[in-house]
Amino acid sequence: MKSVVKSNLAVSETHNFREQKHNVTNFPVKDILKERMAELGIKNQDMQKALGYREANVIAMMRNGSMRLPPKYAPLVATMLKVDKAAFMEKVMEEFDPVMWGAVKSIFKKRVISNNEMANIETMREMLDGLDINFNASQEFIASLKPVIEQLVKAEREKLSATLTLVETGAMKSS
């Protein structure tokens, strides 16, 4: 079964990380660490050395939720886990300091975008051949996209539900 964390955060996949109830909201950073480290064969000691901690038990504490991942390490960890840096940073900040993250979001709003969103923008720019078209001005266009988008969202949520069940039942093994 394909991992939902991989499918929701991996750089080449689809996700909408900005929404408060986005499809990784129910997946805490600790579970992202557990699953992606297991998938990629990354041991606690590997992560501990990369982050400069003296003891590997610090990583175990992050994986079990008794310690939060400090935001300064989020970009490096995202690279190691092969997940989207912007999406992962948002998850880390939401858990580490929700008040500060709320203030940051109130200033920047939707200016921070994921790699997937940038790829979508680049695709649209190519298709528009240099024209600046407001898709929201055409209700017919928006209505035609709705079933396709709903199908993609449903598939991602089904993956999330299946993986959450595996995590909750302990079926996902990690070191």
C-alpha atoms as a PDB file:
ATOM      1  CA  MET A   1       0.000   0.000   0.000  1.00  0.00           C
ATOM      2  CA  LYS A   2       1.297   3.446  -0.889  1.00  0.00           C
ATOM      3  CA  SER A   3       2.012   5.631   2.107  1.00  0.00           C
ATOM      4  CA  VAL A   4      -0.267   8.605   2.656  1.00  0.00           C
ATOM      5  CA  VAL A   5       2.524  10.691   4.117  1.00  0.00           C
ATOM      6  CA  LYS A   6       4.578  10.057   1.028  1.00  0.00           C
ATOM      7  CA  SER A   7       1.622  10.762  -1.242  1.00  0.00           C
ATOM      8  CA  ASN A   8       0.644  13.916   0.626  1.00  0.00           C
ATOM      9  CA  LEU A   9       4.025  15.496   1.242  1.00  0.00           C
ATOM     10  CA  ALA A  10       6.325  14.050  -1.404  1.00  0.00           C
ATOM     11  CA  VAL A  11       7.515  16.787  -3.707  1.00  0.00           C
ATOM     12  CA  SER A  12       5.973  15.363  -6.885  1.00  0.00           C
ATOM     13  CA  GLU A  13       2.547  14.576  -5.417  1.00  0.00           C
ATOM     14  CA  THR A  14      -0.601  16.657  -4.874  1.00  0.00           C
ATOM     15  CA  HIS A  15      -1.633  18.343  -1.628  1.00  0.00           C
ATOM     16  CA  ASN A  16      -3.063  21.552  -0.248  1.00  0.00           C
ATOM     17  CA  PHE A  17      -1.046  22.264   2.871  1.00  0.00           C
ATOM     18  CA  ARG A  18      -2.484  25.706   3.642  1.00  0.00           C
ATOM     19  CA  GLU A  19      -5.931  24.689   4.812  1.00  0.00           C
ATOM     20  CA  GLN A  20      -6.334  24.235   8.546  1.00  0.00           C
ATOM     21  CA  LYS A  21      -7.895  20.809   7.868  1.00  0.00           C
ATOM     22  CA  HIS A  22      -5.456  19.805   5.111  1.00  0.00           C
ATOM     23  CA  ASN A  23      -4.871  16.153   4.371  1.00  0.00           C
ATOM     24  CA  VAL A  24      -1.867  15.862   6.677  1.00  0.00           C
ATOM     25  CA  THR A  25      -3.430  17.800   9.574  1.00  0.00           C
ATOM     26  CA  ASN A  26      -4.448  14.578  11.280  1.00  0.00           C
ATOM     27  CA  PHE A  27      -0.943  13.196  10.815  1.00  0.00           C
ATOM     28  CA  PRO A  28       1.302  14.720  13.501  1.00  0.00           C
ATOM     29  CA  VAL A  29       4.970  15.405  12.820  1.00  0.00           C
ATOM     30  CA  LYS A  30       5.870  12.436  15.030  1.00  0.00           C
ATOM     31  CA  ASP A  31       3.976  10.084  12.689  1.00  0.00           C
ATOM     32  CA  ILE A  32       5.488  11.674   9.592  1.00  0.00           C
ATOM     33  CA  LEU A  33       8.909  11.049  11.152  1.00  0.00           C
ATOM     34  CA  LYS A  34       8.037   7.450  12.033  1.00  0.00           C
ATOM     35  CA  GLU A  35       6.601   6.524   8.670  1.00  0.00           C
ATOM     36  CA  ARG A  36       9.042   8.286   6.360  1.00  0.00           C
ATOM     37  CA  MET A  37      12.092   7.179   8.357  1.00  0.00           C
ATOM     38  CA  ALA A  38      10.850   3.579   8.195  1.00  0.00           C
ATOM     39  CA  GLU A  39      10.084   3.834   4.460  1.00  0.00           C
ATOM     40  CA  LEU A  40      13.508   5.278   3.683  1.00  0.00           C
ATOM     41  CA  GLY A  41      15.463   3.108   6.134  1.00  0.00           C
ATOM     42  CA  ILE A  42      16.636   6.099   8.157  1.00  0.00           C
ATOM     43  CA  LYS A  43      17.654   5.074  11.690  1.00  0.00           C
ATOM     44  CA  ASN A  44      17.393   7.308  14.747  1.00  0.00           C
ATOM     45  CA  GLN A  45      21.200   7.446  14.798  1.00  0.00           C
ATOM     46  CA  ASP A  46      21.284   8.723  11.190  1.00  0.00           C
ATOM     47  CA  MET A  47      18.889  11.551  12.022  1.00  0.00           C
ATOM     48  CA  GLN A  48      20.658  12.285  15.314  1.00  0.00           C
ATOM     49  CA  LYS A  49      24.018  12.691  13.564  1.00  0.00           C
ATOM     50  CA  ALA A  50      22.552  14.841  10.781  1.00  0.00           C
ATOM     51  CA  LEU A  51      20.922  17.175  13.314  1.00  0.00           C
ATOM     52  CA  GLY A  52      23.965  17.273  15.583  1.00  0.00           C
ATOM     53  CA  TYR A  53      22.405  15.770  18.689  1.00  0.00           C
ATOM     54  CA  ARG A  54      24.682  13.814  21.040  1.00  0.00           C
ATOM     55  CA  GLU A  55      22.156  11.063  21.739  1.00  0.00           C
ATOM     56  CA  ALA A  56      19.832   9.158  19.379  1.00  0.00           C
ATOM     57  CA  ASN A  57      17.167   8.983  22.099  1.00  0.00           C
ATOM     58  CA  VAL A  58      16.316  12.615  21.237  1.00  0.00           C
ATOM     59  CA  ILE A  59      15.072  11.421  17.846  1.00  0.00           C
ATOM     60  CA  ALA A  60      13.127   8.599  19.534  1.00  0.00           C
ATOM     61  CA  MET A  61      11.513  11.236  21.747  1.00  0.00           C
ATOM     62  CA  MET A  62      10.499  13.239  18.664  1.00  0.00           C
ATOM     63  CA  ARG A  63       9.085  10.099  17.055  1.00  0.00           C
ATOM     64  CA  ASN A  64       7.001   9.231  20.098  1.00  0.00           C
ATOM     65  CA  GLY A  65       5.796  12.817  20.576  1.00  0.00           C
ATOM     66  CA  SER A  66       7.417  13.552  23.933  1.00  0.00           C
ATOM     67  CA  MET A  67       9.655  16.168  22.247  1.00  0.00           C
ATOM     68  CA  ARG A  68       8.825  18.435  19.331  1.00  0.00           C
ATOM     69  CA  LEU A  69      11.070  18.861  16.318  1.00  0.00           C
ATOM     70  CA  PRO A  70      12.655  22.338  16.571  1.00  0.00           C
ATOM     71  CA  PRO A  71      11.683  24.393  13.498  1.00  0.00           C
ATOM     72  CA  LYS A  72      15.326  25.220  12.705  1.00  0.00           C
ATOM     73  CA  TYR A  73      15.766  21.556  11.722  1.00  0.00           C
ATOM     74  CA  ALA A  74      12.622  21.293   9.570  1.00  0.00           C
ATOM     75  CA  PRO A  75      14.304  22.055   6.205  1.00  0.00           C
ATOM     76  CA  LEU A  76      17.061  19.470   6.767  1.00  0.00           C
ATOM     77  CA  VAL A  77      14.605  16.863   8.051  1.00  0.00           C
ATOM     78  CA  ALA A  78      12.267  17.526   5.098  1.00  0.00           C
ATOM     79  CA  THR A  79      15.196  16.942   2.743  1.00  0.00           C
ATOM     80  CA  MET A  80      16.150  13.732   4.530  1.00  0.00           C
ATOM     81  CA  LEU A  81      12.536  12.511   4.499  1.00  0.00           C
ATOM     82  CA  LYS A  82      12.111  13.586   0.859  1.00  0.00           C
ATOM     83  CA  VAL A  83       9.003  15.640   1.598  1.00  0.00           C
ATOM     84  CA  ASP A  84       7.943  19.117   0.567  1.00  0.00           C
ATOM     85  CA  LYS A  85       9.816  21.651   2.719  1.00  0.00           C
ATOM     86  CA  ALA A  86       7.023  24.232   2.833  1.00  0.00           C
ATOM     87  CA  ALA A  87       4.370  21.686   3.825  1.00  0.00           C
ATOM     88  CA  PHE A  88       6.618  20.109   6.437  1.00  0.00           C
ATOM     89  CA  MET A  89       7.648  23.470   7.889  1.00  0.00           C
ATOM     90  CA  GLU A  90       3.995  24.407   8.253  1.00  0.00           C
ATOM     91  CA  LYS A  91       3.293  21.167  10.134  1.00  0.00           C
ATOM     92  CA  VAL A  92       6.315  21.691  12.405  1.00  0.00           C
ATOM     93  CA  MET A  93       5.403  25.317  13.141  1.00  0.00           C
ATOM     94  CA  GLU A  94       1.730  24.510  13.775  1.00  0.00           C
ATOM     95  CA  GLU A  95       2.793  22.032  16.439  1.00  0.00           C
ATOM     96  CA  PHE A  96       5.853  23.846  17.827  1.00  0.00           C
ATOM     97  CA  ASP A  97       4.381  27.321  18.233  1.00  0.00           C
ATOM     98  CA  PRO A  98       0.814  27.675  16.948  1.00  0.00           C
ATOM     99  CA  VAL A  99       0.539  31.288  18.146  1.00  0.00           C
ATOM    100  CA  MET A 100       3.665  32.395  16.272  1.00  0.00           C
ATOM    101  CA  TRP A 101       2.633  30.401  13.201  1.00  0.00           C
ATOM    102  CA  GLY A 102      -0.783  32.094  13.319  1.00  0.00           C
ATOM    103  CA  ALA A 103       0.930  35.490  13.317  1.00  0.00           C
ATOM    104  CA  VAL A 104       3.180  34.502  10.396  1.00  0.00           C
ATOM    105  CA  LYS A 105       0.209  33.215   8.410  1.00  0.00           C
ATOM    106  CA  SER A 106      -1.744  36.411   9.105  1.00  0.00           C
ATOM    107  CA  ILE A 107       1.042  38.412   7.474  1.00  0.00           C
ATOM    108  CA  PHE A 108       2.004  36.157   4.576  1.00  0.00           C
ATOM    109  CA  LYS A 109      -1.393  34.572   3.982  1.00  0.00           C
ATOM    110  CA  LYS A 110      -1.060  32.472   0.840  1.00  0.00           C
ATOM    111  CA  ARG A 111       2.300  33.702  -0.412  1.00  0.00           C
ATOM    112  CA  VAL A 112       4.131  30.601   0.781  1.00  0.00           C
ATOM    113  CA  ILE A 113       3.440  27.816  -1.695  1.00  0.00           C
ATOM    114  CA  SER A 114       4.449  24.187  -1.907  1.00  0.00           C
ATOM    115  CA  ASN A 115       6.499  22.653  -4.704  1.00  0.00           C
ATOM    116  CA  ASN A 116       3.300  21.020  -5.989  1.00  0.00           C
ATOM    117  CA  GLU A 117       1.497  24.347  -6.116  1.00  0.00           C
ATOM    118  CA  MET A 118       4.433  25.905  -7.977  1.00  0.00           C
ATOM    119  CA  ALA A 119       4.375  23.032 -10.463  1.00  0.00           C
ATOM    120  CA  ASN A 120       0.626  23.621 -10.947  1.00  0.00           C
ATOM    121  CA  ILE A 121       1.247  27.321 -11.540  1.00  0.00           C
ATOM    122  CA  GLU A 122       4.016  26.586 -14.042  1.00  0.00           C
ATOM    123  CA  THR A 123       1.773  24.126 -15.894  1.00  0.00           C
ATOM    124  CA  MET A 124      -1.000  26.712 -16.107  1.00  0.00           C
ATOM    125  CA  ARG A 125       1.427  29.382 -17.305  1.00  0.00           C
ATOM    126  CA  GLU A 126       2.589  27.107 -20.117  1.00  0.00           C
ATOM    127  CA  MET A 127      -0.991  26.300 -21.085  1.00  0.00           C
ATOM    128  CA  LEU A 128      -2.006  29.988 -21.044  1.00  0.00           C
ATOM    129  CA  ASP A 129       0.793  30.939 -23.454  1.00  0.00           C
ATOM    130  CA  GLY A 130       1.603  34.168 -21.628  1.00  0.00           C
ATOM    131  CA  LEU A 131      -1.983  35.341 -21.097  1.00  0.00           C
ATOM    132  CA  ASP A 132      -3.158  36.420 -17.644  1.00  0.00           C
ATOM    133  CA  ILE A 133      -6.610  34.842 -17.280  1.00  0.00           C
ATOM    134  CA  ASN A 134      -8.707  34.958 -14.102  1.00  0.00           C
ATOM    135  CA  PHE A 135     -10.240  31.472 -13.893  1.00  0.00           C
ATOM    136  CA  ASN A 136     -12.536  32.580 -11.087  1.00  0.00           C
ATOM    137  CA  ALA A 137     -14.291  34.915 -13.522  1.00  0.00           C
ATOM    138  CA  SER A 138     -15.679  31.890 -15.375  1.00  0.00           C
ATOM    139  CA  GLN A 139     -18.137  29.929 -13.245  1.00  0.00           C
ATOM    140  CA  GLU A 140     -18.425  27.361 -16.066  1.00  0.00           C
ATOM    141  CA  PHE A 141     -14.692  26.662 -15.873  1.00  0.00           C
ATOM    142  CA  ILE A 142     -14.738  26.362 -12.079  1.00  0.00           C
ATOM    143  CA  ALA A 143     -17.775  24.053 -12.269  1.00  0.00           C
ATOM    144  CA  SER A 144     -16.002  21.845 -14.829  1.00  0.00           C
ATOM    145  CA  LEU A 145     -12.989  21.464 -12.504  1.00  0.00           C
ATOM    146  CA  LYS A 146     -15.014  20.639  -9.424  1.00  0.00           C
ATOM    147  CA  PRO A 147     -15.691  16.921 -10.167  1.00  0.00           C
ATOM    148  CA  VAL A 148     -12.062  16.268 -11.066  1.00  0.00           C
ATOM    149  CA  ILE A 149     -10.778  18.008  -7.944  1.00  0.00           C
ATOM    150  CA  GLU A 150     -13.343  16.232  -5.764  1.00  0.00           C
ATOM    151  CA  GLN A 151     -12.147  12.889  -7.166  1.00  0.00           C
ATOM    152  CA  LEU A 152      -8.503  13.726  -6.386  1.00  0.00           C
ATOM    153  CA  VAL A 153      -9.387  14.871  -2.854  1.00  0.00           C
ATOM    154  CA  LYS A 154     -11.434  11.724  -2.228  1.00  0.00           C
ATOM    155  CA  ALA A 155      -8.542   9.492  -3.336  1.00  0.00           C
ATOM    156  CA  GLU A 156      -6.069  11.344  -1.080  1.00  0.00           C
ATOM    157  CA  ARG A 157      -8.432  11.130   1.904  1.00  0.00           C
ATOM    158  CA  GLU A 158      -8.878   7.388   1.350  1.00  0.00           C
ATOM    159  CA  LYS A 159      -5.094   6.968   1.404  1.00  0.00           C
ATOM    160  CA  LEU A 160      -4.918   9.018   4.601  1.00  0.00           C
ATOM    161  CA  SER A 161      -7.624   6.944   6.268  1.00  0.00           C
ATOM    162  CA  ALA A 162      -5.923   3.665   5.333  1.00  0.00           C
ATOM    163  CA  THR A 163      -2.539   4.819   6.602  1.00  0.00           C
ATOM    164  CA  LEU A 164      -3.953   6.280   9.817  1.00  0.00           C
ATOM    165  CA  THR A 165      -5.579   2.912  10.466  1.00  0.00           C
ATOM    166  CA  LEU A 166      -2.200   1.209   9.976  1.00  0.00           C
ATOM    167  CA  VAL A 167      -0.490   3.667  12.307  1.00  0.00           C
ATOM    168  CA  GLU A 168      -3.221   3.392  14.968  1.00  0.00           C
ATOM    169  CA  THR A 169      -3.201  -0.417  14.891  1.00  0.00           C
ATOM    170  CA  GLY A 170       0.593  -0.524  15.089  1.00  0.00           C
ATOM    171  CA  ALA A 171       0.840  -2.245  11.714  1.00  0.00           C
ATOM    172  CA  MET A 172       3.473   0.294  10.573  1.00  0.00           C
ATOM    173  CA  LYS A 173       6.827  -0.807  11.904  1.00  0.00           C
ATOM    174  CA  SER A 174       9.669   1.631  12.559  1.00  0.00           C
ATOM    175  CA  SER A 175      13.004   1.552  14.324  1.00  0.00           C
END
